[in-house]
Amino acid sequence: MSSVTSPDLQQRPRQSAIVVWASVAAVMTAPGQTAAVSVFTDPLIASLGISRTELSTGYLIGTLLGAAAMPWVGRALDRYGVRPMMIGVGLTFGAVLIGIGFATSIFTLTVGFVGIRMCGQGALGLVATTLVAVHTTNRRGLMLGITAGVGSAGVSMAPLILEQLVSQYGIQTVWIIEGLAVWCVVVPIGIVALRRLPRPTASLEIPLATGNLTVAASPKQWTAREASRTAMFWAIAAGLATSGMVTTGLNFHQIALLGERGLSATEAAANFIPQTAAALVATLVIGASADFVAPKVGIAIAMVALSGAMVTALVVTPGVTALGYGLILGLSGGAIRAIEAAAYAHYFGIAHIGAIRGIAATIGVGSTAFGPLAVALGNDNFGSYGATLLILAPLPLAVAAFALFAPAPRTA
């Protein structure tokens, strides 16, 4: 290893600055997230004269088609780098948000859903976390945890703000406001804040206690095709998919599900608060643990917590047990968000991390389309949410076991 001193190295964005800008970008994914879109549900049904089923079907189609684009987004990240993608995705996302404000039918609304799910839920989130995964080297897991935690907190707060705006200005104006906000925040991050961001390589210059040394980022830099042939890739992807499907299903039906257990609509809605708090703590703790413990352990913790949340939901009553349910479910979601990017970088290197995570994002985002439907169908067939949760509860435990016993990819 050779000593390196470079003025350019000193001019690059500091690691703390990278985390700040990535966290802001993660917050700006909110307009494409289910929590924020849910605010528009009833106004859209009323203004377009469509049924709830038509709206839900359009959202499902939009989510699936948006998720299908993620492998191309990932490959573009590897080819062009984070900065051009931040600018491009920001411009596109803002335009789509403004465009969906002019939707006049279920068809045009579905087209808009494709765009906001692809750009917000998928591409911008992928760009933000890849920025941290590629361009931080010291305590990467903790830095990713901070980014995921801030992003989750921002997304959770978005519905409260949007509900007030929609009630005052109407859905079309709020869509346009969101689009302009993305242009004013995300695009300048790419143009100005990341202007000195270097192109990543398999060998990174990183500051160590003994000086600036050039070291290998990973013993082997895996391509997406090589990574997808390993059990570990699918263990991580299975964790993402299971968490995405089950958590979205539980959140989508939270009012009715907890109402079945005796909670009022207000109490059920308030359960998002402990979920958000627990998710924030989990992203920091589990993310930091990835710097010292094999990431697959974090995946197993997330899955065990998810199964525990479903079991807890069977015995929830107003009060302490409802609080416990919210905390456990939030812990699960925060843990998987914090560990995913760190896990792929840890096991497969960063040279092709965009393409690798692009495939995983397709699986993860696509899974969220089926969660609400699966929970609803179970309730329709069994007459209660409890039976549905009992059937689903073993699934995360199976994924946890798969992750723990999956062998680490060979680096030779």
Protein backbone atom coordinates (compact mmCIF):
# COMPACT_ATOMS: atom_id res chain seq x y z
CA MET A 1 0.00 0.00 0.00
CA SER A 2 1.31 3.43 -0.91
CA SER A 3 0.89 6.80 0.73
CA VAL A 4 -1.36 9.23 -1.07
CA THR A 5 -1.60 13.01 -0.65
CA SER A 6 -3.88 14.86 -3.00
CA PRO A 7 -5.47 18.32 -2.94
CA ASP A 8 -8.48 16.79 -4.63
CA LEU A 9 -8.89 14.36 -1.74
CA GLN A 10 -9.09 17.28 0.69
CA GLN A 11 -11.71 19.02 -1.49
CA ARG A 12 -14.07 16.06 -1.61
CA PRO A 13 -17.24 16.27 0.49
CA ARG A 14 -16.66 15.22 4.07
CA GLN A 15 -18.29 12.00 5.20
CA SER A 16 -20.59 13.92 7.55
CA ALA A 17 -21.72 16.17 4.68
CA ILE A 18 -22.43 13.16 2.48
CA VAL A 19 -24.66 11.69 5.20
CA VAL A 20 -26.50 15.01 5.58
CA TRP A 21 -27.23 15.33 1.85
CA ALA A 22 -28.19 11.66 1.55
CA SER A 23 -30.54 12.02 4.52
CA VAL A 24 -32.22 15.06 2.97
CA ALA A 25 -32.66 13.14 -0.30
CA ALA A 26 -34.13 10.20 1.65
CA VAL A 27 -36.70 12.53 3.23
CA MET A 28 -37.62 13.81 -0.24
CA THR A 29 -38.69 10.30 -1.29
CA ALA A 30 -41.84 10.92 0.79
CA PRO A 31 -44.13 11.95 -2.11
CA GLY A 32 -43.59 8.51 -3.64
CA GLN A 33 -44.15 6.57 -0.41
CA THR A 34 -47.43 4.88 0.54
CA ALA A 35 -47.77 6.89 3.76
CA ALA A 36 -47.83 10.19 1.85
CA VAL A 37 -49.93 8.91 -1.05
CA SER A 38 -52.58 7.66 1.39
CA VAL A 39 -53.47 11.29 2.16
CA PHE A 40 -54.69 11.68 -1.43
CA THR A 41 -56.80 8.48 -1.47
CA ASP A 42 -60.25 9.79 -0.52
CA PRO A 43 -59.91 13.11 -2.41
CA LEU A 44 -58.85 11.22 -5.55
CA ILE A 45 -61.82 8.86 -5.30
CA ALA A 46 -64.17 11.82 -4.95
CA SER A 47 -62.63 14.03 -7.64
CA LEU A 48 -62.16 11.35 -10.31
CA GLY A 49 -65.34 9.43 -9.55
CA ILE A 50 -63.55 6.10 -9.22
CA SER A 51 -63.97 3.25 -6.75
CA ARG A 52 -61.54 2.35 -4.01
CA THR A 53 -60.85 -0.93 -5.78
CA GLU A 54 -59.97 0.87 -9.03
CA LEU A 55 -57.66 3.20 -7.14
CA SER A 56 -55.97 0.31 -5.30
CA THR A 57 -55.55 -1.63 -8.54
CA GLY A 58 -53.98 1.39 -10.24
CA TYR A 59 -51.60 1.80 -7.31
CA LEU A 60 -50.66 -1.89 -7.45
CA ILE A 61 -49.93 -1.68 -11.18
CA GLY A 62 -47.95 1.52 -10.69
CA THR A 63 -45.87 -0.04 -7.93
CA LEU A 64 -45.06 -3.17 -9.93
CA LEU A 65 -44.12 -1.31 -13.11
CA GLY A 66 -42.12 1.25 -11.14
CA ALA A 67 -40.23 -1.51 -9.36
CA ALA A 68 -39.41 -3.20 -12.67
CA ALA A 69 -37.23 -0.24 -13.67
CA MET A 70 -34.89 -0.54 -10.69
CA PRO A 71 -32.28 -2.82 -12.31
CA TRP A 72 -31.76 -0.20 -15.03
CA VAL A 73 -31.51 2.54 -12.40
CA GLY A 74 -28.92 0.50 -10.54
CA ARG A 75 -26.81 -0.09 -13.63
CA ALA A 76 -26.99 3.61 -14.47
CA LEU A 77 -25.71 4.38 -10.98
CA ASP A 78 -22.67 2.20 -11.59
CA ARG A 79 -22.06 3.67 -15.04
CA TYR A 80 -22.64 7.38 -14.46
CA GLY A 81 -22.16 7.79 -10.71
CA VAL A 82 -24.37 9.18 -7.96
CA ARG A 83 -24.23 12.89 -8.85
CA PRO A 84 -25.70 12.70 -12.39
CA MET A 85 -28.33 10.26 -11.15
CA MET A 86 -29.29 12.53 -8.26
CA ILE A 87 -29.85 15.36 -10.73
CA GLY A 88 -31.65 13.21 -13.30
CA VAL A 89 -33.93 11.46 -10.82
CA GLY A 90 -34.71 14.76 -9.08
CA LEU A 91 -35.72 16.42 -12.35
CA THR A 92 -37.83 13.45 -13.41
CA PHE A 93 -39.49 12.96 -10.03
CA GLY A 94 -40.46 16.62 -9.80
CA ALA A 95 -41.91 16.56 -13.31
CA VAL A 96 -43.93 13.42 -12.59
CA LEU A 97 -45.36 14.91 -9.39
CA ILE A 98 -46.45 18.03 -11.24
CA GLY A 99 -47.88 15.91 -14.07
CA ILE A 100 -49.94 13.65 -11.78
CA GLY A 101 -51.69 16.75 -10.52
CA PHE A 102 -53.39 16.97 -13.92
CA ALA A 103 -54.62 13.34 -13.97
CA THR A 104 -58.25 13.17 -15.09
CA SER A 105 -58.90 9.42 -15.23
CA ILE A 106 -57.82 6.17 -13.62
CA PHE A 107 -55.54 5.55 -16.62
CA THR A 108 -53.61 8.81 -16.33
CA LEU A 109 -53.53 8.42 -12.55
CA THR A 110 -52.01 4.93 -12.91
CA VAL A 111 -49.37 6.33 -15.26
CA GLY A 112 -48.59 8.89 -12.59
CA PHE A 113 -48.36 6.16 -9.95
CA VAL A 114 -45.78 4.37 -12.10
CA GLY A 115 -43.68 7.52 -12.14
CA ILE A 116 -43.86 8.43 -8.46
CA ARG A 117 -43.26 4.86 -7.30
CA MET A 118 -40.35 4.44 -9.71
CA CYS A 119 -38.72 7.78 -8.90
CA GLY A 120 -39.64 8.24 -5.24
CA GLN A 121 -40.07 4.86 -3.60
CA GLY A 122 -37.42 3.32 -5.84
CA ALA A 123 -34.84 5.43 -7.64
CA LEU A 124 -34.31 8.36 -5.26
CA GLY A 125 -34.11 6.08 -2.25
CA LEU A 126 -31.62 3.89 -4.11
CA VAL A 127 -29.50 6.90 -5.08
CA ALA A 128 -29.50 8.32 -1.53
CA THR A 129 -28.40 5.12 0.20
CA THR A 130 -25.91 4.25 -2.55
CA LEU A 131 -24.32 7.67 -2.03
CA VAL A 132 -23.55 6.68 1.55
CA ALA A 133 -22.67 3.06 0.79
CA VAL A 134 -20.13 4.03 -1.87
CA HIS A 135 -18.69 7.28 -0.57
CA THR A 136 -18.30 6.60 3.14
CA THR A 137 -15.65 4.28 4.52
CA ASN A 138 -15.58 4.97 8.26
CA ARG A 139 -18.47 3.37 10.19
CA ARG A 140 -20.46 2.80 7.02
CA GLY A 141 -23.16 0.86 8.84
CA LEU A 142 -23.77 3.68 11.31
CA MET A 143 -23.82 6.26 8.51
CA LEU A 144 -26.41 4.23 6.61
CA GLY A 145 -28.40 3.86 9.82
CA ILE A 146 -28.47 7.63 10.29
CA THR A 147 -29.57 8.14 6.69
CA ALA A 148 -32.33 5.55 6.97
CA GLY A 149 -33.46 6.90 10.34
CA VAL A 150 -33.73 10.50 9.20
CA GLY A 151 -35.45 9.42 5.99
CA SER A 152 -37.99 7.30 7.87
CA ALA A 153 -38.74 10.09 10.32
CA GLY A 154 -39.28 12.55 7.47
CA VAL A 155 -41.54 10.17 5.56
CA SER A 156 -43.57 9.53 8.73
CA MET A 157 -44.09 13.26 9.28
CA ALA A 158 -45.10 13.91 5.67
CA PRO A 159 -48.76 12.77 5.99
CA LEU A 160 -49.35 15.22 8.85
CA ILE A 161 -48.12 18.13 6.72
CA LEU A 162 -49.76 16.98 3.51
CA GLU A 163 -53.15 16.45 5.13
CA GLN A 164 -53.22 20.10 6.17
CA LEU A 165 -52.10 21.26 2.73
CA VAL A 166 -54.67 19.11 0.90
CA SER A 167 -57.50 20.39 3.09
CA GLN A 168 -56.51 24.00 2.35
CA TYR A 169 -55.37 23.93 -1.28
CA GLY A 170 -56.68 20.73 -2.88
CA ILE A 171 -54.87 17.73 -4.32
CA GLN A 172 -53.76 19.26 -7.62
CA THR A 173 -52.02 22.19 -5.96
CA VAL A 174 -50.33 19.94 -3.40
CA TRP A 175 -49.00 17.58 -6.09
CA ILE A 176 -47.49 20.62 -7.82
CA ILE A 177 -46.03 21.92 -4.54
CA GLU A 178 -44.41 18.53 -3.96
CA GLY A 179 -42.91 18.55 -7.45
CA LEU A 180 -41.49 22.03 -7.02
CA ALA A 181 -40.11 21.06 -3.62
CA VAL A 182 -38.25 18.10 -5.15
CA TRP A 183 -36.79 20.35 -7.83
CA CYS A 184 -35.73 22.95 -5.25
CA VAL A 185 -34.13 20.45 -2.85
CA VAL A 186 -32.93 17.33 -4.69
CA VAL A 187 -31.59 18.89 -7.89
CA PRO A 188 -29.39 21.47 -6.07
CA ILE A 189 -27.96 18.68 -3.93
CA GLY A 190 -26.70 17.02 -7.09
CA ILE A 191 -25.57 20.19 -8.84
CA VAL A 192 -23.98 22.05 -5.92
CA ALA A 193 -23.47 19.86 -2.86
CA LEU A 194 -22.04 16.88 -4.73
CA ARG A 195 -20.04 18.81 -7.32
CA ARG A 196 -16.70 17.42 -6.04
CA LEU A 197 -17.93 13.90 -5.54
CA PRO A 198 -15.39 11.47 -7.06
CA ARG A 199 -16.34 8.58 -9.30
CA PRO A 200 -16.17 5.38 -7.22
CA THR A 201 -13.66 2.66 -7.97
CA ALA A 202 -12.90 -0.69 -6.39
CA SER A 203 -9.93 0.94 -4.72
CA LEU A 204 -10.77 3.93 -2.55
CA GLU A 205 -8.59 6.53 -0.91
CA ILE A 206 -9.66 6.65 2.71
CA PRO A 207 -8.25 8.47 5.71
CA LEU A 208 -6.87 6.22 8.43
CA ALA A 209 -5.12 7.01 11.69
CA THR A 210 -1.76 6.42 10.03
CA GLY A 211 -2.46 8.65 7.03
CA ASN A 212 -4.22 8.51 3.68
CA LEU A 213 -3.84 5.01 2.31
CA THR A 214 -5.13 3.35 -0.80
CA VAL A 215 -6.73 0.06 0.22
CA ALA A 216 -8.96 -2.47 -1.45
CA ALA A 217 -12.61 -1.80 -0.65
CA SER A 218 -13.34 -5.53 -0.78
CA PRO A 219 -11.30 -8.67 -1.52
CA LYS A 220 -13.57 -9.27 -4.50
CA GLN A 221 -15.83 -6.89 -6.41
CA TRP A 222 -18.86 -8.92 -7.43
CA THR A 223 -20.92 -8.25 -10.53
CA ALA A 224 -24.69 -8.33 -10.23
CA ARG A 225 -24.84 -11.65 -12.07
CA GLU A 226 -22.24 -13.22 -9.77
CA ALA A 227 -23.91 -11.86 -6.64
CA SER A 228 -27.35 -13.10 -7.69
CA ARG A 229 -25.99 -16.64 -7.83
CA THR A 230 -25.17 -16.65 -4.11
CA ALA A 231 -27.41 -17.67 -1.24
CA MET A 232 -26.49 -14.52 0.68
CA PHE A 233 -27.86 -12.24 -2.04
CA TRP A 234 -31.21 -13.99 -1.86
CA ALA A 235 -31.21 -14.05 1.93
CA ILE A 236 -30.93 -10.25 1.99
CA ALA A 237 -33.46 -9.89 -0.83
CA ALA A 238 -35.87 -12.22 0.97
CA GLY A 239 -35.61 -10.06 4.07
CA LEU A 240 -36.41 -6.95 2.03
CA ALA A 241 -39.34 -8.62 0.28
CA THR A 242 -40.84 -10.10 3.43
CA SER A 243 -40.53 -6.84 5.35
CA GLY A 244 -41.93 -4.84 2.43
CA MET A 245 -44.92 -7.11 1.90
CA VAL A 246 -45.91 -7.71 5.52
CA THR A 247 -45.22 -4.22 6.90
CA THR A 248 -47.07 -2.50 4.05
CA GLY A 249 -50.00 -4.88 4.54
CA LEU A 250 -50.13 -4.23 8.28
CA ASN A 251 -49.82 -0.46 7.88
CA PHE A 252 -52.35 -0.26 5.05
CA HIS A 253 -54.99 -2.03 7.17
CA GLN A 254 -53.82 -0.71 10.53
CA ILE A 255 -57.03 1.13 11.44
CA ALA A 256 -59.22 -1.90 10.75
CA LEU A 257 -56.72 -4.44 12.11
CA LEU A 258 -56.26 -2.69 15.46
CA GLY A 259 -59.94 -1.75 15.50
CA GLU A 260 -60.68 -5.47 15.53
CA ARG A 261 -58.73 -5.57 18.81
CA GLY A 262 -60.76 -2.78 20.42
CA LEU A 263 -58.74 0.32 19.52
CA SER A 264 -60.53 3.39 18.28
CA ALA A 265 -59.60 4.88 14.91
CA THR A 266 -57.67 7.62 16.68
CA GLU A 267 -55.78 5.14 18.87
CA ALA A 268 -54.98 2.97 15.85
CA ALA A 269 -53.67 5.94 13.86
CA ALA A 270 -51.60 7.10 16.84
CA ASN A 271 -49.80 3.74 16.79
CA PHE A 272 -47.67 5.09 13.95
CA ILE A 273 -45.90 7.28 16.53
CA PRO A 274 -44.21 4.45 18.50
CA GLN A 275 -43.50 2.71 15.20
CA THR A 276 -41.62 5.77 13.96
CA ALA A 277 -39.72 6.20 17.23
CA ALA A 278 -38.66 2.55 17.34
CA ALA A 279 -37.66 2.58 13.68
CA LEU A 280 -35.43 5.60 14.27
CA VAL A 281 -33.64 3.92 17.17
CA ALA A 282 -33.34 0.62 15.31
CA THR A 283 -31.78 2.21 12.24
CA LEU A 284 -29.04 3.73 14.39
CA VAL A 285 -28.36 0.68 16.57
CA ILE A 286 -28.64 -2.02 13.92
CA GLY A 287 -26.86 0.12 11.34
CA ALA A 288 -23.96 0.69 13.74
CA SER A 289 -23.81 -3.03 14.55
CA ALA A 290 -23.09 -3.79 10.88
CA ASP A 291 -19.64 -2.30 11.42
CA PHE A 292 -18.80 -5.01 13.95
CA VAL A 293 -21.16 -7.95 13.41
CA ALA A 294 -21.98 -9.89 10.25
CA PRO A 295 -24.91 -8.04 8.58
CA LYS A 296 -26.91 -11.25 8.26
CA VAL A 297 -27.41 -11.12 12.02
CA GLY A 298 -29.20 -7.78 11.60
CA ILE A 299 -31.43 -9.33 8.93
CA ALA A 300 -32.34 -12.16 11.31
CA ILE A 301 -33.16 -9.67 14.09
CA ALA A 302 -35.43 -7.72 11.75
CA MET A 303 -37.28 -10.86 10.71
CA VAL A 304 -37.73 -12.19 14.25
CA ALA A 305 -39.11 -8.80 15.28
CA LEU A 306 -41.51 -8.80 12.33
CA SER A 307 -42.86 -12.21 13.30
CA GLY A 308 -43.11 -11.04 16.90
CA ALA A 309 -45.12 -8.00 15.83
CA MET A 310 -47.65 -10.21 14.04
CA VAL A 311 -48.02 -12.47 17.06
CA THR A 312 -48.36 -9.43 19.34
CA ALA A 313 -51.13 -8.07 17.10
CA LEU A 314 -53.20 -11.14 18.01
CA VAL A 315 -53.40 -10.10 21.66
CA VAL A 316 -53.32 -6.30 21.35
CA THR A 317 -55.65 -4.30 23.57
CA PRO A 318 -55.76 -0.53 24.09
CA GLY A 319 -52.80 0.56 26.18
CA VAL A 320 -49.47 -1.14 26.84
CA THR A 321 -49.83 -4.06 24.41
CA ALA A 322 -50.73 -1.69 21.58
CA LEU A 323 -47.62 0.34 22.39
CA GLY A 324 -45.56 -2.85 22.38
CA TYR A 325 -46.94 -3.82 18.98
CA GLY A 326 -45.96 -0.46 17.53
CA LEU A 327 -42.47 -0.60 18.99
CA ILE A 328 -41.76 -4.12 17.73
CA LEU A 329 -43.11 -3.43 14.24
CA GLY A 330 -41.09 -0.21 14.03
CA LEU A 331 -37.95 -1.99 15.19
CA SER A 332 -38.34 -4.53 12.42
CA GLY A 333 -38.78 -1.98 9.64
CA GLY A 334 -35.96 0.23 10.87
CA ALA A 335 -33.56 -2.69 11.19
CA ILE A 336 -34.03 -3.98 7.65
CA ARG A 337 -33.74 -0.50 6.14
CA ALA A 338 -30.51 0.13 8.01
CA ILE A 339 -28.86 -3.18 7.22
CA GLU A 340 -29.70 -3.75 3.53
CA ALA A 341 -27.26 -1.37 1.85
CA ALA A 342 -24.51 -2.15 4.35
CA ALA A 343 -25.00 -5.88 3.82
CA TYR A 344 -24.67 -5.75 0.05
CA ALA A 345 -21.57 -3.54 0.26
CA HIS A 346 -20.08 -5.79 2.94
CA TYR A 347 -20.55 -9.05 1.05
CA PHE A 348 -20.17 -7.95 -2.57
CA GLY A 349 -18.07 -4.76 -2.62
CA ILE A 350 -19.05 -1.44 -4.19
CA ALA A 351 -17.84 -1.65 -7.79
CA HIS A 352 -21.26 -2.91 -8.98
CA ILE A 353 -23.35 -2.01 -5.94
CA GLY A 354 -25.88 -0.05 -7.99
CA ALA A 355 -26.74 -2.99 -10.23
CA ILE A 356 -26.82 -5.38 -7.28
CA ARG A 357 -29.09 -3.18 -5.20
CA GLY A 358 -31.19 -2.37 -8.27
CA ILE A 359 -32.22 -6.01 -8.55
CA ALA A 360 -32.89 -6.16 -4.82
CA ALA A 361 -34.93 -2.95 -5.00
CA THR A 362 -37.15 -4.46 -7.70
CA ILE A 363 -37.89 -7.36 -5.37
CA GLY A 364 -38.35 -5.16 -2.31
CA VAL A 365 -40.50 -2.45 -3.88
CA GLY A 366 -42.49 -4.98 -5.89
CA SER A 367 -43.33 -6.93 -2.74
CA THR A 368 -45.06 -3.90 -1.23
CA ALA A 369 -47.71 -4.12 -3.94
CA PHE A 370 -48.95 -7.48 -2.64
CA GLY A 371 -49.01 -6.87 1.12
CA PRO A 372 -52.32 -4.99 1.37
CA LEU A 373 -53.98 -7.46 -1.00
CA ALA A 374 -52.68 -10.51 0.89
CA VAL A 375 -53.93 -9.21 4.25
CA ALA A 376 -57.29 -8.18 2.77
CA LEU A 377 -57.84 -11.54 1.07
CA GLY A 378 -56.97 -13.36 4.28
CA ASN A 379 -59.46 -11.27 6.21
CA ASP A 380 -62.16 -11.87 3.59
CA ASN A 381 -61.61 -15.64 3.61
CA PHE A 382 -61.12 -16.20 7.34
CA GLY A 383 -63.34 -13.48 8.74
CA SER A 384 -60.62 -11.83 10.85
CA TYR A 385 -57.13 -10.45 10.61
CA GLY A 386 -55.92 -12.75 13.39
CA ALA A 387 -56.06 -15.92 11.30
CA THR A 388 -54.22 -14.16 8.47
CA LEU A 389 -51.41 -13.06 10.78
CA LEU A 390 -51.04 -16.57 12.20
CA ILE A 391 -50.51 -17.89 8.68
CA LEU A 392 -47.98 -15.17 7.80
CA ALA A 393 -46.03 -15.17 11.09
CA PRO A 394 -43.76 -18.17 10.28
CA LEU A 395 -42.58 -16.58 7.01
CA PRO A 396 -40.15 -14.07 8.60
CA LEU A 397 -38.80 -16.79 10.89
CA ALA A 398 -37.98 -18.92 7.85
CA VAL A 399 -36.17 -15.97 6.26
CA ALA A 400 -34.25 -15.38 9.52
CA ALA A 401 -33.04 -18.97 9.54
CA PHE A 402 -32.13 -18.74 5.85
CA ALA A 403 -30.06 -15.61 6.52
CA LEU A 404 -28.23 -17.05 9.51
CA PHE A 405 -27.30 -20.28 7.76
CA ALA A 406 -26.53 -18.80 4.33
CA PRO A 407 -22.77 -19.06 3.75
CA ALA A 408 -20.76 -15.89 3.21
CA PRO A 409 -19.87 -15.51 -0.49
CA ARG A 410 -16.43 -16.79 -1.39
CA THR A 411 -14.01 -13.99 -2.11
CA ALA A 412 -11.32 -16.06 -3.76
